[in-house]
Amino acid sequence: MAEVSATMVKELREKTGAGLMDCKKALAESAGDFVKAEEWLRKKGIAKAGSKEGRVAAEGLIGSYIHGGRIGVLVEVNCETDFVARNPDFQELVKDVAMHIAAVNPQYVRREEVATDKLEKEKEIQRELLKQQGKPEAMWDKILVGKVEKYYEQVCLVDQFWVKDDKKKVGDMINERAAKIGEKVAVRRFVRFEVGAGIEKKKDDLAAEVAKTLGQA
């Protein structure tokens, strides 16, 4: 089998909307030939004919999910046509995305939304940790690449591992569903509410509470 690079896999994924592992296997089976790899994916029902790049996804649904009355999520997921927006597979996808957001609490949809100052702050923290761990300074930049990827996996929805399958990222899951549905699908935005979030909770002094209780006895 031909050697398959990460760049090749990424390019085929962007073209077909198939998952990373499926793209890697398709390229390996096709000896690195992109045309044959795309045909292999289509024969497996993993990718549809025609690239989704450049196509506009302006239809879709606002999905919601409430967990135990304490966590609530609203998410906008777009597709290309209102016909697909009524498709049960698309509606299930929207629900799955909302449930994932409720469970894992991402801060952004994708890495491009992370503000530069936030990213630099994270790098600063990681550099300080590397310093404390005694790692050679010459290795910091290389190590930081992996640390930044881990950061994206923590805060960006599409980079997180899917709550229903920790071997697959949310972005891959969405692309696989999009290939099955036959249209470009994208999460546009979301908001997550949690009871008490952002409110400074009162912390009672235990000793004072005990003294008060004893005084009332």
C-alpha atoms as a PDB file:
ATOM      1  CA  MET A   1       0.000   0.000   0.000  1.00  0.00           C
ATOM      2  CA  ALA A   2       1.113   3.547  -0.747  1.00  0.00           C
ATOM      3  CA  GLU A   3       2.249   5.816   2.066  1.00  0.00           C
ATOM      4  CA  VAL A   4      -0.575   8.183   2.990  1.00  0.00           C
ATOM      5  CA  SER A   5       0.297  11.566   4.504  1.00  0.00           C
ATOM      6  CA  ALA A   6      -1.864  13.641   6.835  1.00  0.00           C
ATOM      7  CA  THR A   7      -2.041  16.355   4.152  1.00  0.00           C
ATOM      8  CA  MET A   8      -3.455  13.866   1.628  1.00  0.00           C
ATOM      9  CA  VAL A   9      -6.061  12.692   4.125  1.00  0.00           C
ATOM     10  CA  LYS A  10      -7.051  16.285   4.953  1.00  0.00           C
ATOM     11  CA  GLU A  11      -7.419  17.190   1.281  1.00  0.00           C
ATOM     12  CA  LEU A  12      -9.619  14.171   0.523  1.00  0.00           C
ATOM     13  CA  ARG A  13     -11.701  14.812   3.636  1.00  0.00           C
ATOM     14  CA  GLU A  14     -12.353  18.430   2.624  1.00  0.00           C
ATOM     15  CA  LYS A  15     -13.327  17.319  -0.865  1.00  0.00           C
ATOM     16  CA  THR A  16     -15.658  14.466   0.067  1.00  0.00           C
ATOM     17  CA  GLY A  17     -16.823  15.191   3.621  1.00  0.00           C
ATOM     18  CA  ALA A  18     -15.870  11.656   4.681  1.00  0.00           C
ATOM     19  CA  GLY A  19     -14.231  10.892   8.042  1.00  0.00           C
ATOM     20  CA  LEU A  20     -10.462  10.927   8.542  1.00  0.00           C
ATOM     21  CA  MET A  21     -10.076   7.173   8.959  1.00  0.00           C
ATOM     22  CA  ASP A  22     -12.272   6.462   5.920  1.00  0.00           C
ATOM     23  CA  CYS A  23     -10.200   8.884   3.818  1.00  0.00           C
ATOM     24  CA  LYS A  24      -6.961   7.301   5.001  1.00  0.00           C
ATOM     25  CA  LYS A  25      -8.212   3.826   4.116  1.00  0.00           C
ATOM     26  CA  ALA A  26      -9.516   4.980   0.733  1.00  0.00           C
ATOM     27  CA  LEU A  27      -6.146   6.513  -0.185  1.00  0.00           C
ATOM     28  CA  ALA A  28      -4.279   3.434   0.995  1.00  0.00           C
ATOM     29  CA  GLU A  29      -6.563   1.147  -1.027  1.00  0.00           C
ATOM     30  CA  SER A  30      -6.166   3.411  -4.069  1.00  0.00           C
ATOM     31  CA  ALA A  31      -2.370   3.737  -3.887  1.00  0.00           C
ATOM     32  CA  GLY A  32      -2.658   7.478  -3.221  1.00  0.00           C
ATOM     33  CA  ASP A  33      -4.792   8.171  -6.313  1.00  0.00           C
ATOM     34  CA  PHE A  34      -7.359  10.829  -5.328  1.00  0.00           C
ATOM     35  CA  VAL A  35      -9.806  10.036  -8.148  1.00  0.00           C
ATOM     36  CA  LYS A  36      -9.841   6.334  -7.294  1.00  0.00           C
ATOM     37  CA  ALA A  37     -10.005   7.126  -3.570  1.00  0.00           C
ATOM     38  CA  GLU A  38     -13.102   9.276  -4.091  1.00  0.00           C
ATOM     39  CA  GLU A  39     -14.682   6.516  -6.183  1.00  0.00           C
ATOM     40  CA  TRP A  40     -13.871   4.012  -3.416  1.00  0.00           C
ATOM     41  CA  LEU A  41     -15.637   6.220  -0.865  1.00  0.00           C
ATOM     42  CA  ARG A  42     -18.670   6.659  -3.112  1.00  0.00           C
ATOM     43  CA  LYS A  43     -18.946   2.903  -3.694  1.00  0.00           C
ATOM     44  CA  LYS A  44     -18.929   2.412   0.074  1.00  0.00           C
ATOM     45  CA  GLY A  45     -21.681   5.028   0.418  1.00  0.00           C
ATOM     46  CA  ILE A  46     -19.407   7.233   2.496  1.00  0.00           C
ATOM     47  CA  ALA A  47     -19.165  10.181   0.074  1.00  0.00           C
ATOM     48  CA  LYS A  48     -21.544  11.627  -2.501  1.00  0.00           C
ATOM     49  CA  ALA A  49     -20.719  12.862  -5.984  1.00  0.00           C
ATOM     50  CA  GLY A  50     -19.583  16.460  -6.224  1.00  0.00           C
ATOM     51  CA  SER A  51     -17.517  18.550  -3.877  1.00  0.00           C
ATOM     52  CA  LYS A  52     -19.262  20.410  -1.059  1.00  0.00           C
ATOM     53  CA  GLU A  53     -16.642  23.137  -1.037  1.00  0.00           C
ATOM     54  CA  GLY A  54     -17.986  26.554  -1.947  1.00  0.00           C
ATOM     55  CA  ARG A  55     -21.601  25.493  -1.533  1.00  0.00           C
ATOM     56  CA  VAL A  56     -23.771  27.661   0.715  1.00  0.00           C
ATOM     57  CA  ALA A  57     -25.531  26.140   3.721  1.00  0.00           C
ATOM     58  CA  ALA A  58     -28.152  28.736   4.664  1.00  0.00           C
ATOM     59  CA  GLU A  59     -31.080  26.515   5.645  1.00  0.00           C
ATOM     60  CA  GLY A  60     -31.243  24.274   8.686  1.00  0.00           C
ATOM     61  CA  LEU A  61     -32.624  24.072  12.201  1.00  0.00           C
ATOM     62  CA  ILE A  62     -32.331  25.554  15.656  1.00  0.00           C
ATOM     63  CA  GLY A  63     -32.056  22.523  17.917  1.00  0.00           C
ATOM     64  CA  SER A  64     -32.492  22.415  21.671  1.00  0.00           C
ATOM     65  CA  TYR A  65     -31.688  20.073  24.511  1.00  0.00           C
ATOM     66  CA  ILE A  66     -32.394  20.345  28.238  1.00  0.00           C
ATOM     67  CA  HIS A  67     -30.743  18.032  30.747  1.00  0.00           C
ATOM     68  CA  GLY A  68     -32.376  17.602  34.118  1.00  0.00           C
ATOM     69  CA  GLY A  69     -33.697  21.132  34.129  1.00  0.00           C
ATOM     70  CA  ARG A  70     -30.194  22.394  34.960  1.00  0.00           C
ATOM     71  CA  ILE A  71     -28.389  22.525  31.592  1.00  0.00           C
ATOM     72  CA  GLY A  72     -29.921  23.875  28.382  1.00  0.00           C
ATOM     73  CA  VAL A  73     -28.519  24.198  24.864  1.00  0.00           C
ATOM     74  CA  LEU A  74     -29.618  25.992  21.696  1.00  0.00           C
ATOM     75  CA  VAL A  75     -27.641  25.226  18.548  1.00  0.00           C
ATOM     76  CA  GLU A  76     -27.981  26.330  14.916  1.00  0.00           C
ATOM     77  CA  VAL A  77     -26.992  23.684  12.379  1.00  0.00           C
ATOM     78  CA  ASN A  78     -27.144  24.646   8.706  1.00  0.00           C
ATOM     79  CA  CYS A  79     -27.733  22.649   5.552  1.00  0.00           C
ATOM     80  CA  GLU A  80     -28.350  23.648   1.935  1.00  0.00           C
ATOM     81  CA  THR A  81     -32.098  23.036   1.519  1.00  0.00           C
ATOM     82  CA  ASP A  82     -35.235  23.143   3.640  1.00  0.00           C
ATOM     83  CA  PHE A  83     -35.988  19.640   2.317  1.00  0.00           C
ATOM     84  CA  VAL A  84     -32.953  18.274   4.158  1.00  0.00           C
ATOM     85  CA  ALA A  85     -33.834  20.343   7.233  1.00  0.00           C
ATOM     86  CA  ARG A  86     -36.974  18.183   7.480  1.00  0.00           C
ATOM     87  CA  ASN A  87     -34.979  14.962   7.028  1.00  0.00           C
ATOM     88  CA  PRO A  88     -35.024  12.734  10.168  1.00  0.00           C
ATOM     89  CA  ASP A  89     -31.278  12.019   9.769  1.00  0.00           C
ATOM     90  CA  PHE A  90     -30.502  15.741   9.825  1.00  0.00           C
ATOM     91  CA  GLN A  91     -32.818  16.317  12.783  1.00  0.00           C
ATOM     92  CA  GLU A  92     -31.102  13.485  14.680  1.00  0.00           C
ATOM     93  CA  LEU A  93     -27.722  15.073  13.906  1.00  0.00           C
ATOM     94  CA  VAL A  94     -28.875  18.411  15.348  1.00  0.00           C
ATOM     95  CA  LYS A  95     -30.073  16.669  18.508  1.00  0.00           C
ATOM     96  CA  ASP A  96     -26.789  14.767  18.865  1.00  0.00           C
ATOM     97  CA  VAL A  97     -24.791  17.991  18.539  1.00  0.00           C
ATOM     98  CA  ALA A  98     -26.956  19.716  21.163  1.00  0.00           C
ATOM     99  CA  MET A  99     -26.547  16.774  23.574  1.00  0.00           C
ATOM    100  CA  HIS A 100     -22.772  16.802  23.066  1.00  0.00           C
ATOM    101  CA  ILE A 101     -22.598  20.525  23.834  1.00  0.00           C
ATOM    102  CA  ALA A 102     -24.605  19.972  27.022  1.00  0.00           C
ATOM    103  CA  ALA A 103     -22.290  17.175  28.135  1.00  0.00           C
ATOM    104  CA  VAL A 104     -18.851  18.504  27.151  1.00  0.00           C
ATOM    105  CA  ASN A 105     -19.312  22.295  27.278  1.00  0.00           C
ATOM    106  CA  PRO A 106     -17.214  23.580  24.339  1.00  0.00           C
ATOM    107  CA  GLN A 107     -16.419  27.286  24.233  1.00  0.00           C
ATOM    108  CA  TYR A 108     -16.237  27.746  20.452  1.00  0.00           C
ATOM    109  CA  VAL A 109     -17.499  26.012  17.317  1.00  0.00           C
ATOM    110  CA  ARG A 110     -14.139  25.842  15.543  1.00  0.00           C
ATOM    111  CA  ARG A 111     -10.533  26.874  16.165  1.00  0.00           C
ATOM    112  CA  GLU A 112     -10.705  29.935  13.911  1.00  0.00           C
ATOM    113  CA  GLU A 113     -12.994  31.535  16.512  1.00  0.00           C
ATOM    114  CA  VAL A 114     -10.408  31.373  19.305  1.00  0.00           C
ATOM    115  CA  ALA A 115      -9.151  34.911  19.931  1.00  0.00           C
ATOM    116  CA  THR A 116      -5.420  35.450  19.458  1.00  0.00           C
ATOM    117  CA  ASP A 117      -4.977  36.742  23.005  1.00  0.00           C
ATOM    118  CA  LYS A 118      -6.685  33.618  24.419  1.00  0.00           C
ATOM    119  CA  LEU A 119      -4.385  31.373  22.411  1.00  0.00           C
ATOM    120  CA  GLU A 120      -1.269  33.323  23.416  1.00  0.00           C
ATOM    121  CA  LYS A 121      -2.317  33.134  27.069  1.00  0.00           C
ATOM    122  CA  GLU A 122      -2.631  29.365  26.789  1.00  0.00           C
ATOM    123  CA  LYS A 123       0.827  29.157  25.198  1.00  0.00           C
ATOM    124  CA  GLU A 124       2.213  31.303  28.007  1.00  0.00           C
ATOM    125  CA  ILE A 125       0.753  28.937  30.598  1.00  0.00           C
ATOM    126  CA  GLN A 126       2.144  25.888  28.797  1.00  0.00           C
ATOM    127  CA  ARG A 127       5.613  27.472  28.503  1.00  0.00           C
ATOM    128  CA  GLU A 128       5.634  28.105  32.253  1.00  0.00           C
ATOM    129  CA  LEU A 129       4.643  24.484  32.886  1.00  0.00           C
ATOM    130  CA  LEU A 130       7.413  23.243  30.582  1.00  0.00           C
ATOM    131  CA  LYS A 131       9.873  25.449  32.447  1.00  0.00           C
ATOM    132  CA  GLN A 132       8.762  24.035  35.789  1.00  0.00           C
ATOM    133  CA  GLN A 133       9.065  20.500  34.402  1.00  0.00           C
ATOM    134  CA  GLY A 134      12.649  21.201  33.391  1.00  0.00           C
ATOM    135  CA  LYS A 135      12.099  20.614  29.677  1.00  0.00           C
ATOM    136  CA  PRO A 136      14.923  22.002  27.462  1.00  0.00           C
ATOM    137  CA  GLU A 137      13.906  25.385  26.071  1.00  0.00           C
ATOM    138  CA  ALA A 138      14.997  24.300  22.594  1.00  0.00           C
ATOM    139  CA  MET A 139      12.173  21.745  22.604  1.00  0.00           C
ATOM    140  CA  TRP A 140       9.408  24.090  23.753  1.00  0.00           C
ATOM    141  CA  ASP A 141       8.134  25.173  20.329  1.00  0.00           C
ATOM    142  CA  LYS A 142       7.846  21.577  19.146  1.00  0.00           C
ATOM    143  CA  ILE A 143       6.065  20.483  22.317  1.00  0.00           C
ATOM    144  CA  LEU A 144       3.753  23.511  22.165  1.00  0.00           C
ATOM    145  CA  VAL A 145       2.358  22.343  18.822  1.00  0.00           C
ATOM    146  CA  GLY A 146       0.896  19.290  20.525  1.00  0.00           C
ATOM    147  CA  LYS A 147      -0.231  21.312  23.544  1.00  0.00           C
ATOM    148  CA  VAL A 148      -2.124  23.744  21.314  1.00  0.00           C
ATOM    149  CA  GLU A 149      -3.845  20.840  19.539  1.00  0.00           C
ATOM    150  CA  LYS A 150      -4.914  19.492  22.933  1.00  0.00           C
ATOM    151  CA  TYR A 151      -6.246  22.939  23.833  1.00  0.00           C
ATOM    152  CA  TYR A 152      -8.351  23.028  20.664  1.00  0.00           C
ATOM    153  CA  GLU A 153      -9.693  19.568  21.529  1.00  0.00           C
ATOM    154  CA  GLN A 154     -10.799  20.914  24.890  1.00  0.00           C
ATOM    155  CA  VAL A 155     -12.511  24.138  23.794  1.00  0.00           C
ATOM    156  CA  CYS A 156     -13.602  23.750  20.136  1.00  0.00           C
ATOM    157  CA  LEU A 157     -16.733  21.760  19.341  1.00  0.00           C
ATOM    158  CA  VAL A 158     -15.612  20.234  16.037  1.00  0.00           C
ATOM    159  CA  ASP A 159     -12.225  19.259  17.482  1.00  0.00           C
ATOM    160  CA  GLN A 160     -13.665  17.535  20.549  1.00  0.00           C
ATOM    161  CA  PHE A 161     -14.056  13.776  20.687  1.00  0.00           C
ATOM    162  CA  TRP A 162     -17.704  12.912  20.286  1.00  0.00           C
ATOM    163  CA  VAL A 163     -19.415  12.056  23.546  1.00  0.00           C
ATOM    164  CA  LYS A 164     -21.002   8.922  21.979  1.00  0.00           C
ATOM    165  CA  ASP A 165     -17.755   7.655  20.419  1.00  0.00           C
ATOM    166  CA  ASP A 166     -14.443   8.812  21.899  1.00  0.00           C
ATOM    167  CA  LYS A 167     -12.519   7.531  18.871  1.00  0.00           C
ATOM    168  CA  LYS A 168     -14.244   9.996  16.564  1.00  0.00           C
ATOM    169  CA  LYS A 169     -14.225  13.786  16.614  1.00  0.00           C
ATOM    170  CA  VAL A 170     -17.428  15.802  16.360  1.00  0.00           C
ATOM    171  CA  GLY A 171     -16.246  17.308  13.061  1.00  0.00           C
ATOM    172  CA  ASP A 172     -15.734  13.823  11.600  1.00  0.00           C
ATOM    173  CA  MET A 173     -19.154  12.710  12.807  1.00  0.00           C
ATOM    174  CA  ILE A 174     -20.779  15.746  11.174  1.00  0.00           C
ATOM    175  CA  ASN A 175     -18.913  15.172   7.892  1.00  0.00           C
ATOM    176  CA  GLU A 176     -19.934  11.513   7.814  1.00  0.00           C
ATOM    177  CA  ARG A 177     -23.575  12.417   8.372  1.00  0.00           C
ATOM    178  CA  ALA A 178     -23.305  15.148   5.713  1.00  0.00           C
ATOM    179  CA  ALA A 179     -21.982  12.603   3.212  1.00  0.00           C
ATOM    180  CA  LYS A 180     -24.928  10.342   3.979  1.00  0.00           C
ATOM    181  CA  ILE A 181     -27.434  13.197   3.747  1.00  0.00           C
ATOM    182  CA  GLY A 182     -25.851  14.495   0.536  1.00  0.00           C
ATOM    183  CA  GLU A 183     -25.519  18.165   1.451  1.00  0.00           C
ATOM    184  CA  LYS A 184     -23.053  20.489   3.101  1.00  0.00           C
ATOM    185  CA  VAL A 185     -23.764  20.614   6.854  1.00  0.00           C
ATOM    186  CA  ALA A 186     -22.195  23.031   9.319  1.00  0.00           C
ATOM    187  CA  VAL A 187     -22.702  24.125  12.910  1.00  0.00           C
ATOM    188  CA  ARG A 188     -23.001  27.906  12.896  1.00  0.00           C
ATOM    189  CA  ARG A 189     -23.365  28.840  16.563  1.00  0.00           C
ATOM    190  CA  PHE A 190     -24.606  27.656  19.923  1.00  0.00           C
ATOM    191  CA  VAL A 191     -25.338  28.863  23.425  1.00  0.00           C
ATOM    192  CA  ARG A 192     -25.223  26.752  26.586  1.00  0.00           C
ATOM    193  CA  PHE A 193     -26.950  27.658  29.831  1.00  0.00           C
ATOM    194  CA  GLU A 194     -26.249  26.098  33.211  1.00  0.00           C
ATOM    195  CA  VAL A 195     -28.115  26.913  36.405  1.00  0.00           C
ATOM    196  CA  GLY A 196     -25.933  29.047  38.662  1.00  0.00           C
ATOM    197  CA  ALA A 197     -23.174  29.574  36.088  1.00  0.00           C
ATOM    198  CA  GLY A 198     -21.396  32.888  36.643  1.00  0.00           C
ATOM    199  CA  ILE A 199     -22.963  33.482  40.034  1.00  0.00           C
ATOM    200  CA  GLU A 200     -20.571  33.673  42.934  1.00  0.00           C
ATOM    201  CA  LYS A 201     -21.958  31.132  45.360  1.00  0.00           C
ATOM    202  CA  LYS A 202     -22.036  31.995  49.054  1.00  0.00           C
ATOM    203  CA  LYS A 203     -19.553  30.012  51.106  1.00  0.00           C
ATOM    204  CA  ASP A 204     -20.615  29.835  54.731  1.00  0.00           C
ATOM    205  CA  ASP A 205     -17.970  29.729  57.438  1.00  0.00           C
ATOM    206  CA  LEU A 206     -18.365  26.243  58.920  1.00  0.00           C
ATOM    207  CA  ALA A 207     -17.093  27.277  62.357  1.00  0.00           C
ATOM    208  CA  ALA A 208     -19.505  30.215  62.506  1.00  0.00           C
ATOM    209  CA  GLU A 209     -22.355  27.975  61.373  1.00  0.00           C
ATOM    210  CA  VAL A 210     -21.580  25.426  64.098  1.00  0.00           C
ATOM    211  CA  ALA A 211     -21.315  28.177  66.719  1.00  0.00           C
ATOM    212  CA  LYS A 212     -24.642  29.590  65.601  1.00  0.00           C
ATOM    213  CA  THR A 213     -26.281  26.180  65.817  1.00  0.00           C
ATOM    214  CA  LEU A 214     -24.852  25.541  69.309  1.00  0.00           C
ATOM    215  CA  GLY A 215     -26.044  28.969  70.462  1.00  0.00           C
ATOM    216  CA  GLN A 216     -29.558  28.110  69.413  1.00  0.00           C
ATOM    217  CA  ALA A 217     -29.498  24.771  71.215  1.00  0.00           C
END
